[in-house]
C-alpha atoms as a PDB file:
ATOM      1  CA  MET A   1     -13.748 -37.108 -19.794  1.00  0.00           C
ATOM      2  CA  LYS A   2     -14.039 -40.044 -17.178  1.00  0.00           C
ATOM      3  CA  LYS A   3     -16.533 -40.269 -14.055  1.00  0.00           C
ATOM      4  CA  LYS A   4     -17.144 -43.025 -11.821  1.00  0.00           C
ATOM      5  CA  ASP A   5     -20.549 -44.403 -11.415  1.00  0.00           C
ATOM      6  CA  PHE A   6     -21.708 -46.062  -8.447  1.00  0.00           C
ATOM      7  CA  PHE A   7     -22.389 -49.299 -10.356  1.00  0.00           C
ATOM      8  CA  PHE A   8     -20.999 -49.444 -13.638  1.00  0.00           C
ATOM      9  CA  GLY A   9     -18.164 -47.802 -12.558  1.00  0.00           C
ATOM     10  CA  ASP A  10     -16.039 -46.133 -14.667  1.00  0.00           C
ATOM     11  CA  ILE A  11     -17.286 -44.427 -17.840  1.00  0.00           C
ATOM     12  CA  TYR A  12     -15.694 -42.122 -20.705  1.00  0.00           C
ATOM     13  CA  THR A  13     -17.565 -39.447 -22.120  1.00  0.00           C
ATOM     14  CA  ARG A  14     -16.293 -38.566 -25.423  1.00  0.00           C
ATOM     15  CA  LYS A  15     -18.218 -36.241 -27.608  1.00  0.00           C
ATOM     16  CA  ASP A  16     -21.233 -36.168 -25.372  1.00  0.00           C
ATOM     17  CA  VAL A  17     -21.474 -40.587 -25.560  1.00  0.00           C
ATOM     18  CA  SER A  18     -20.546 -42.105 -22.367  1.00  0.00           C
ATOM     19  CA  ARG A  19     -18.036 -45.388 -23.330  1.00  0.00           C
ATOM     20  CA  LEU A  20     -17.627 -48.463 -20.521  1.00  0.00           C
ATOM     21  CA  ASP A  21     -16.086 -51.245 -21.308  1.00  0.00           C
ATOM     22  CA  LEU A  22     -17.940 -54.598 -22.219  1.00  0.00           C
ATOM     23  CA  HIS A  23     -16.417 -56.712 -20.489  1.00  0.00           C
ATOM     24  CA  GLU A  24     -16.392 -55.213 -17.395  1.00  0.00           C
ATOM     25  CA  ALA A  25     -19.985 -54.268 -17.500  1.00  0.00           C
ATOM     26  CA  SER A  26     -20.699 -58.215 -18.176  1.00  0.00           C
ATOM     27  CA  ARG A  27     -19.396 -59.387 -15.061  1.00  0.00           C
ATOM     28  CA  ILE A  28     -21.224 -56.804 -12.835  1.00  0.00           C
ATOM     29  CA  ALA A  29     -24.171 -57.756 -14.395  1.00  0.00           C
ATOM     30  CA  GLN A  30     -24.014 -61.211 -13.367  1.00  0.00           C
ATOM     31  CA  ASN A  31     -24.177 -60.476  -9.776  1.00  0.00           C
ATOM     32  CA  VAL A  32     -27.461 -58.888 -10.113  1.00  0.00           C
ATOM     33  CA  SER A  33     -31.351 -60.440 -11.603  1.00  0.00           C
ATOM     34  CA  ALA A  34     -32.150 -58.946 -15.292  1.00  0.00           C
ATOM     35  CA  HIS A  35     -34.801 -56.634 -14.056  1.00  0.00           C
ATOM     36  CA  PHE A  36     -32.297 -54.834 -11.958  1.00  0.00           C
ATOM     37  CA  PHE A  37     -29.392 -54.403 -14.492  1.00  0.00           C
ATOM     38  CA  THR A  38     -31.851 -53.296 -17.024  1.00  0.00           C
ATOM     39  CA  ALA A  39     -33.694 -50.932 -14.710  1.00  0.00           C
ATOM     40  CA  GLN A  40     -29.318 -49.307 -13.518  1.00  0.00           C
ATOM     41  CA  LEU A  41     -28.993 -49.201 -18.003  1.00  0.00           C
ATOM     42  CA  ASN A  42     -31.785 -47.282 -18.312  1.00  0.00           C
ATOM     43  CA  ARG A  43     -30.700 -44.803 -15.521  1.00  0.00           C
ATOM     44  CA  LEU A  44     -27.799 -44.499 -16.889  1.00  0.00           C
ATOM     45  CA  LEU A  45     -28.882 -43.365 -20.145  1.00  0.00           C
ATOM     46  CA  ALA A  46     -31.140 -41.184 -18.871  1.00  0.00           C
ATOM     47  CA  ASP A  47     -28.394 -39.362 -17.092  1.00  0.00           C
ATOM     48  CA  SER A  48     -26.309 -39.839 -20.650  1.00  0.00           C
ATOM     49  CA  ASN A  49     -28.909 -38.177 -23.311  1.00  0.00           C
ATOM     50  CA  GLY A  50     -29.567 -41.242 -24.203  1.00  0.00           C
ATOM     51  CA  GLN A  51     -26.476 -42.913 -25.498  1.00  0.00           C
ATOM     52  CA  VAL A  52     -24.221 -45.204 -24.334  1.00  0.00           C
ATOM     53  CA  SER A  53     -21.305 -47.235 -25.647  1.00  0.00           C
ATOM     54  CA  PHE A  54     -20.254 -50.259 -24.468  1.00  0.00           C
ATOM     55  CA  TYR A  55     -16.593 -51.391 -26.521  1.00  0.00           C
ATOM     56  CA  ASP A  56     -14.861 -54.611 -26.454  1.00  0.00           C
ATOM     57  CA  GLY A  57     -11.736 -54.445 -28.421  1.00  0.00           C
ATOM     58  CA  THR A  58     -11.775 -57.972 -29.468  1.00  0.00           C
ATOM     59  CA  SER A  59     -13.908 -60.184 -31.849  1.00  0.00           C
ATOM     60  CA  HIS A  60     -14.986 -61.992 -29.666  1.00  0.00           C
ATOM     61  CA  PRO A  61     -16.869 -60.159 -26.927  1.00  0.00           C
ATOM     62  CA  SER A  62     -18.735 -61.744 -23.974  1.00  0.00           C
ATOM     63  CA  PHE A  63     -22.456 -60.365 -24.985  1.00  0.00           C
ATOM     64  CA  TRP A  64     -23.736 -63.330 -24.333  1.00  0.00           C
ATOM     65  CA  LYS A  65     -22.957 -62.579 -20.535  1.00  0.00           C
ATOM     66  CA  PHE A  66     -24.545 -58.732 -21.067  1.00  0.00           C
ATOM     67  CA  ILE A  67     -27.582 -59.574 -22.953  1.00  0.00           C
ATOM     68  CA  GLU A  68     -28.798 -62.416 -20.648  1.00  0.00           C
ATOM     69  CA  LYS A  69     -29.331 -59.687 -17.988  1.00  0.00           C
ATOM     70  CA  ILE A  70     -31.675 -57.633 -20.119  1.00  0.00           C
ATOM     71  CA  VAL A  71     -35.355 -58.183 -20.103  1.00  0.00           C
ATOM     72  CA  VAL A  72     -36.683 -59.021 -23.146  1.00  0.00           C
ATOM     73  CA  ASP A  73     -39.837 -57.466 -23.082  1.00  0.00           C
ATOM     74  CA  GLU A  74     -37.297 -53.964 -22.484  1.00  0.00           C
ATOM     75  CA  VAL A  75     -35.904 -54.115 -25.485  1.00  0.00           C
ATOM     76  CA  GLY A  76     -37.735 -52.274 -28.013  1.00  0.00           C
ATOM     77  CA  PHE A  77     -35.813 -53.265 -31.067  1.00  0.00           C
ATOM     78  CA  ILE A  78     -32.192 -54.103 -32.215  1.00  0.00           C
ATOM     79  CA  GLU A  79     -30.114 -52.811 -35.198  1.00  0.00           C
ATOM     80  CA  ILE A  80     -26.883 -54.683 -36.527  1.00  0.00           C
ATOM     81  CA  TYR A  81     -25.455 -52.843 -38.677  1.00  0.00           C
ATOM     82  CA  SER A  82     -21.582 -52.018 -40.450  1.00  0.00           C
ATOM     83  CA  ARG A  83     -18.610 -49.558 -39.606  1.00  0.00           C
ATOM     84  CA  GLN A  84     -16.050 -48.717 -41.479  1.00  0.00           C
ATOM     85  CA  ASP A  85     -13.765 -46.847 -38.715  1.00  0.00           C
ATOM     86  CA  ILE A  86     -13.380 -49.211 -36.304  1.00  0.00           C
ATOM     87  CA  ASN A  87     -10.535 -51.441 -37.670  1.00  0.00           C
ATOM     88  CA  GLN A  88      -8.577 -50.166 -40.610  1.00  0.00           C
ATOM     89  CA  SER A  89      -7.191 -54.053 -41.488  1.00  0.00           C
ATOM     90  CA  VAL A  90     -10.612 -55.488 -42.561  1.00  0.00           C
ATOM     91  CA  LYS A  91     -13.323 -54.341 -44.942  1.00  0.00           C
ATOM     92  CA  ALA A  92     -16.188 -53.410 -42.300  1.00  0.00           C
ATOM     93  CA  THR A  93     -16.517 -54.833 -38.077  1.00  0.00           C
ATOM     94  CA  LEU A  94     -20.519 -55.151 -37.186  1.00  0.00           C
ATOM     95  CA  ALA A  95     -21.914 -53.292 -34.322  1.00  0.00           C
ATOM     96  CA  CYS A  96     -25.449 -53.698 -32.780  1.00  0.00           C
ATOM     97  CA  ASP A  97     -27.820 -50.869 -31.061  1.00  0.00           C
ATOM     98  CA  LEU A  98     -30.888 -51.849 -28.061  1.00  0.00           C
ATOM     99  CA  ILE A  99     -32.947 -49.844 -28.157  1.00  0.00           C
ATOM    100  CA  LEU A 100     -34.646 -49.277 -24.378  1.00  0.00           C
ATOM    101  CA  LEU A 101     -37.178 -47.124 -22.606  1.00  0.00           C
ATOM    102  CA  ASN A 102     -34.308 -44.272 -21.850  1.00  0.00           C
ATOM    103  CA  GLY A 103     -32.485 -45.007 -24.874  1.00  0.00           C
ATOM    104  CA  ILE A 104     -29.756 -46.486 -27.394  1.00  0.00           C
ATOM    105  CA  ILE A 105     -27.662 -49.189 -25.651  1.00  0.00           C
ATOM    106  CA  SER A 106     -24.069 -49.527 -28.649  1.00  0.00           C
ATOM    107  CA  ILE A 107     -22.586 -52.666 -28.619  1.00  0.00           C
ATOM    108  CA  THR A 108     -18.950 -51.921 -30.398  1.00  0.00           C
ATOM    109  CA  THR A 109     -16.652 -54.604 -31.189  1.00  0.00           C
ATOM    110  CA  HIS A 110     -14.389 -56.013 -33.923  1.00  0.00           C
ATOM    111  CA  TRP A 111     -16.500 -58.278 -35.184  1.00  0.00           C
ATOM    112  CA  CYS A 112     -16.099 -58.828 -38.804  1.00  0.00           C
ATOM    113  CA  ALA A 113     -16.049 -62.176 -41.288  1.00  0.00           C
ATOM    114  CA  TYR A 114     -12.574 -62.089 -43.101  1.00  0.00           C
ATOM    115  CA  LYS A 115     -11.756 -65.601 -42.649  1.00  0.00           C
ATOM    116  CA  GLU A 116     -13.455 -68.790 -40.753  1.00  0.00           C
ATOM    117  CA  ILE A 117     -12.531 -68.225 -37.586  1.00  0.00           C
ATOM    118  CA  ARG A 118     -14.201 -64.684 -37.425  1.00  0.00           C
ATOM    119  CA  ALA A 119     -17.152 -65.506 -39.226  1.00  0.00           C
ATOM    120  CA  ASP A 120     -17.538 -68.164 -36.862  1.00  0.00           C
ATOM    121  CA  GLU A 121     -17.146 -65.656 -33.878  1.00  0.00           C
ATOM    122  CA  ILE A 122     -20.331 -63.490 -35.313  1.00  0.00           C
ATOM    123  CA  ILE A 123     -22.116 -66.423 -34.975  1.00  0.00           C
ATOM    124  CA  SER A 124     -20.947 -67.723 -31.730  1.00  0.00           C
ATOM    125  CA  THR A 125     -21.075 -64.503 -29.975  1.00  0.00           C
ATOM    126  CA  LEU A 126     -23.504 -62.187 -31.621  1.00  0.00           C
ATOM    127  CA  LEU A 127     -26.151 -63.869 -33.490  1.00  0.00           C
ATOM    128  CA  ILE A 128     -26.389 -67.153 -31.004  1.00  0.00           C
ATOM    129  CA  PRO A 129     -26.969 -64.843 -27.842  1.00  0.00           C
ATOM    130  CA  LEU A 130     -30.111 -63.266 -29.680  1.00  0.00           C
ATOM    131  CA  HIS A 131     -31.407 -66.140 -30.683  1.00  0.00           C
ATOM    132  CA  LEU A 132     -31.227 -67.768 -26.830  1.00  0.00           C
ATOM    133  CA  GLN A 133     -32.808 -64.742 -25.680  1.00  0.00           C
ATOM    134  CA  GLY A 134     -35.583 -65.005 -28.205  1.00  0.00           C
ATOM    135  CA  LEU A 135     -34.640 -61.394 -29.626  1.00  0.00           C
ATOM    136  CA  GLN A 136     -34.831 -62.285 -33.162  1.00  0.00           C
ATOM    137  CA  GLU A 137     -37.698 -61.643 -34.040  1.00  0.00           C
ATOM    138  CA  LYS A 138     -37.053 -58.043 -32.337  1.00  0.00           C
ATOM    139  CA  THR A 139     -33.952 -57.246 -34.615  1.00  0.00           C
ATOM    140  CA  TYR A 140     -33.046 -55.765 -37.920  1.00  0.00           C
ATOM    141  CA  ILE A 141     -30.414 -55.608 -40.362  1.00  0.00           C
ATOM    142  CA  ARG A 142     -29.552 -52.021 -41.031  1.00  0.00           C
ATOM    143  CA  TRP A 143     -28.203 -51.436 -44.437  1.00  0.00           C
ATOM    144  CA  ASP A 144     -25.655 -48.781 -45.002  1.00  0.00           C
ATOM    145  CA  SER A 145     -28.655 -46.825 -47.259  1.00  0.00           C
ATOM    146  CA  GLY A 146     -30.569 -46.741 -43.983  1.00  0.00           C
ATOM    147  CA  GLU A 147     -33.109 -49.087 -44.743  1.00  0.00           C
ATOM    148  CA  THR A 148     -33.839 -52.442 -42.906  1.00  0.00           C
ATOM    149  CA  ASP A 149     -34.504 -55.783 -43.006  1.00  0.00           C
ATOM    150  CA  ARG A 150     -35.805 -58.333 -40.125  1.00  0.00           C
ATOM    151  CA  LEU A 151     -32.720 -60.440 -38.978  1.00  0.00           C
ATOM    152  CA  LEU A 152     -34.942 -63.807 -39.571  1.00  0.00           C
ATOM    153  CA  GLU A 153     -38.157 -64.591 -41.715  1.00  0.00           C
ATOM    154  CA  ARG A 154     -39.796 -67.295 -40.796  1.00  0.00           C
ATOM    155  CA  ASP A 155     -37.489 -70.364 -40.275  1.00  0.00           C
ATOM    156  CA  TYR A 156     -35.203 -68.935 -43.196  1.00  0.00           C
ATOM    157  CA  TYR A 157     -31.666 -69.416 -41.416  1.00  0.00           C
ATOM    158  CA  ASN A 158     -29.462 -69.992 -44.441  1.00  0.00           C
ATOM    159  CA  ASP A 159     -31.033 -65.896 -45.442  1.00  0.00           C
ATOM    160  CA  GLU A 160     -30.382 -64.649 -42.169  1.00  0.00           C
ATOM    161  CA  LEU A 161     -26.487 -65.978 -42.479  1.00  0.00           C
ATOM    162  CA  ARG A 162     -26.323 -64.498 -45.895  1.00  0.00           C
ATOM    163  CA  LYS A 163     -27.419 -60.973 -44.936  1.00  0.00           C
ATOM    164  CA  VAL A 164     -24.967 -60.800 -42.010  1.00  0.00           C
ATOM    165  CA  PHE A 165     -22.054 -61.886 -43.828  1.00  0.00           C
ATOM    166  CA  ARG A 166     -23.276 -59.447 -46.870  1.00  0.00           C
ATOM    167  CA  LEU A 167     -23.492 -56.638 -44.457  1.00  0.00           C
ATOM    168  CA  ALA A 168     -20.046 -57.147 -42.459  1.00  0.00           C
ATOM    169  CA  LYS A 169     -18.535 -57.014 -46.522  1.00  0.00           C
ATOM    170  CA  TYR A 170     -17.409 -59.964 -46.888  1.00  0.00           C
ATOM    171  CA  PRO A 171     -20.383 -62.159 -48.297  1.00  0.00           C
ATOM    172  CA  ALA A 172     -17.969 -64.876 -49.775  1.00  0.00           C
ATOM    173  CA  ALA A 173     -18.343 -65.987 -46.563  1.00  0.00           C
ATOM    174  CA  MET A 174     -21.291 -68.011 -47.783  1.00  0.00           C
ATOM    175  CA  THR A 175     -20.597 -68.632 -51.266  1.00  0.00           C
ATOM    176  CA  SER A 176     -16.815 -70.161 -51.319  1.00  0.00           C
ATOM    177  CA  ASP A 177     -16.304 -73.639 -51.884  1.00  0.00           C
ATOM    178  CA  TYR A 178     -16.887 -75.034 -48.553  1.00  0.00           C
ATOM    179  CA  SER A 179     -19.938 -72.507 -47.908  1.00  0.00           C
ATOM    180  CA  ASP A 180     -22.422 -75.777 -48.028  1.00  0.00           C
ATOM    181  CA  ASP A 181     -21.033 -77.179 -44.835  1.00  0.00           C
ATOM    182  CA  LEU A 182     -20.573 -74.156 -42.979  1.00  0.00           C
ATOM    183  CA  ALA A 183     -23.866 -73.216 -43.540  1.00  0.00           C
ATOM    184  CA  GLU A 184     -25.549 -76.243 -42.780  1.00  0.00           C
ATOM    185  CA  ARG A 185     -23.071 -76.292 -39.295  1.00  0.00           C
ATOM    186  CA  TYR A 186     -24.649 -72.288 -38.892  1.00  0.00           C
ATOM    187  CA  GLU A 187     -27.710 -73.191 -39.477  1.00  0.00           C
ATOM    188  CA  LEU A 188     -28.245 -76.257 -37.041  1.00  0.00           C
ATOM    189  CA  SER A 189     -26.643 -73.456 -34.354  1.00  0.00           C
ATOM    190  CA  LEU A 190     -28.923 -71.110 -34.897  1.00  0.00           C
ATOM    191  CA  ARG A 191     -31.707 -73.645 -34.919  1.00  0.00           C
ATOM    192  CA  CYS A 192     -30.615 -75.373 -31.698  1.00  0.00           C
ATOM    193  CA  ALA A 193     -30.401 -71.587 -29.784  1.00  0.00           C
ATOM    194  CA  THR A 194     -33.944 -70.789 -30.901  1.00  0.00           C
ATOM    195  CA  ASP A 195     -35.294 -73.942 -29.738  1.00  0.00           C
ATOM    196  CA  VAL A 196     -33.673 -73.282 -26.251  1.00  0.00           C
ATOM    197  CA  GLY A 197     -34.722 -69.586 -26.699  1.00  0.00           C
ATOM    198  CA  GLN A 198     -38.198 -70.629 -26.962  1.00  0.00           C
ATOM    199  CA  GLN A 199     -38.273 -72.489 -23.982  1.00  0.00           C
ATOM    200  CA  ASP A 200     -39.583 -71.116 -20.654  1.00  0.00           C
ATOM    201  CA  PRO A 201     -37.310 -68.394 -19.655  1.00  0.00           C
ATOM    202  CA  SER A 202     -39.018 -68.094 -15.856  1.00  0.00           C
ATOM    203  CA  SER A 203     -37.586 -71.037 -15.381  1.00  0.00           C
ATOM    204  CA  GLU A 204     -34.636 -70.825 -13.115  1.00  0.00           C
ATOM    205  CA  SER A 205     -33.099 -74.034 -13.416  1.00  0.00           C
ATOM    206  CA  ILE A 206     -32.868 -73.656 -16.988  1.00  0.00           C
ATOM    207  CA  ASP A 207     -29.023 -72.601 -17.818  1.00  0.00           C
ATOM    208  CA  PRO A 208     -30.210 -71.038 -21.645  1.00  0.00           C
ATOM    209  CA  TRP A 209     -26.428 -71.217 -22.851  1.00  0.00           C
ATOM    210  CA  ASN A 210     -25.617 -75.098 -21.221  1.00  0.00           C
ATOM    211  CA  ALA A 211     -28.448 -76.223 -22.606  1.00  0.00           C
ATOM    212  CA  TYR A 212     -28.209 -74.640 -26.078  1.00  0.00           C
ATOM    213  CA  GLN A 213     -24.603 -76.463 -25.906  1.00  0.00           C
ATOM    214  CA  GLU A 214     -26.434 -79.990 -24.948  1.00  0.00           C
ATOM    215  CA  LEU A 215     -28.748 -80.079 -27.313  1.00  0.00           C
ATOM    216  CA  LEU A 216     -26.555 -78.910 -29.942  1.00  0.00           C
ATOM    217  CA  LYS A 217     -24.353 -82.034 -29.386  1.00  0.00           C
ATOM    218  CA  LYS A 218     -27.254 -83.863 -29.382  1.00  0.00           C
ATOM    219  CA  LYS A 219     -28.549 -82.608 -32.581  1.00  0.00           C
ATOM    220  CA  ARG A 220     -24.699 -83.037 -34.233  1.00  0.00           C
ATOM    221  CA  MET A 221     -24.285 -86.928 -33.032  1.00  0.00           C
ATOM    222  CA  GLU A 222     -28.204 -87.748 -34.633  1.00  0.00           C
ATOM    223  CA  LEU A 223     -26.659 -86.189 -37.698  1.00  0.00           C
ATOM    224  CA  ARG A 224     -23.536 -88.579 -37.690  1.00  0.00           C
ATOM    225  CA  GLU A 225     -25.734 -91.820 -36.788  1.00  0.00           C
ATOM    226  CA  PRO A 226     -26.522 -93.959 -40.036  1.00  0.00           C
ATOM    227  CA  SER A 227     -29.985 -93.930 -41.280  1.00  0.00           C
END
């Protein structure tokens, strides 16, 4: 069933779950403040039995543009988990649930790690946005058993990476011959995103994504300089 919402536009309902296009919602979010967008998400949840799914048919969704417009304090917690019903060509894809005041926002995409370029996209379009928002402290890995672990313990970024790729059913992404170089690159990216995420979020002069890119570039140049 399809209906029209005054703010989000087209909403499709299947098995009592409202489903919207993530890319379109991210585009709309850029037109309003984070407080207004978060309020609209909670309104939508209240009108949708507390369950709404935002879907993207790619492995590189515009998740950052979506989550940057959600007030961090309004997020109870986040769970990342695997699904085997989205893409039959891979062992699993990743999804995440954001728990807000009025229910659960599910982000369903084709995040997967079956090769390096796809693993890169998990880092750049899922983990980096969470760290930029400082949400890694509220994020958990939900294993198939239903048990949960914190995404990040202290600053053990390597452990975070291993858990995520294990969840994605491709743990070899961190155990192959070139994994050391990959791990170092991924860890540096996460550290830079975390550092940016710890800056004062009230400063409108700071564009977190640009600040992250600049810091990452600076750190990479420092690593290349002879000691």
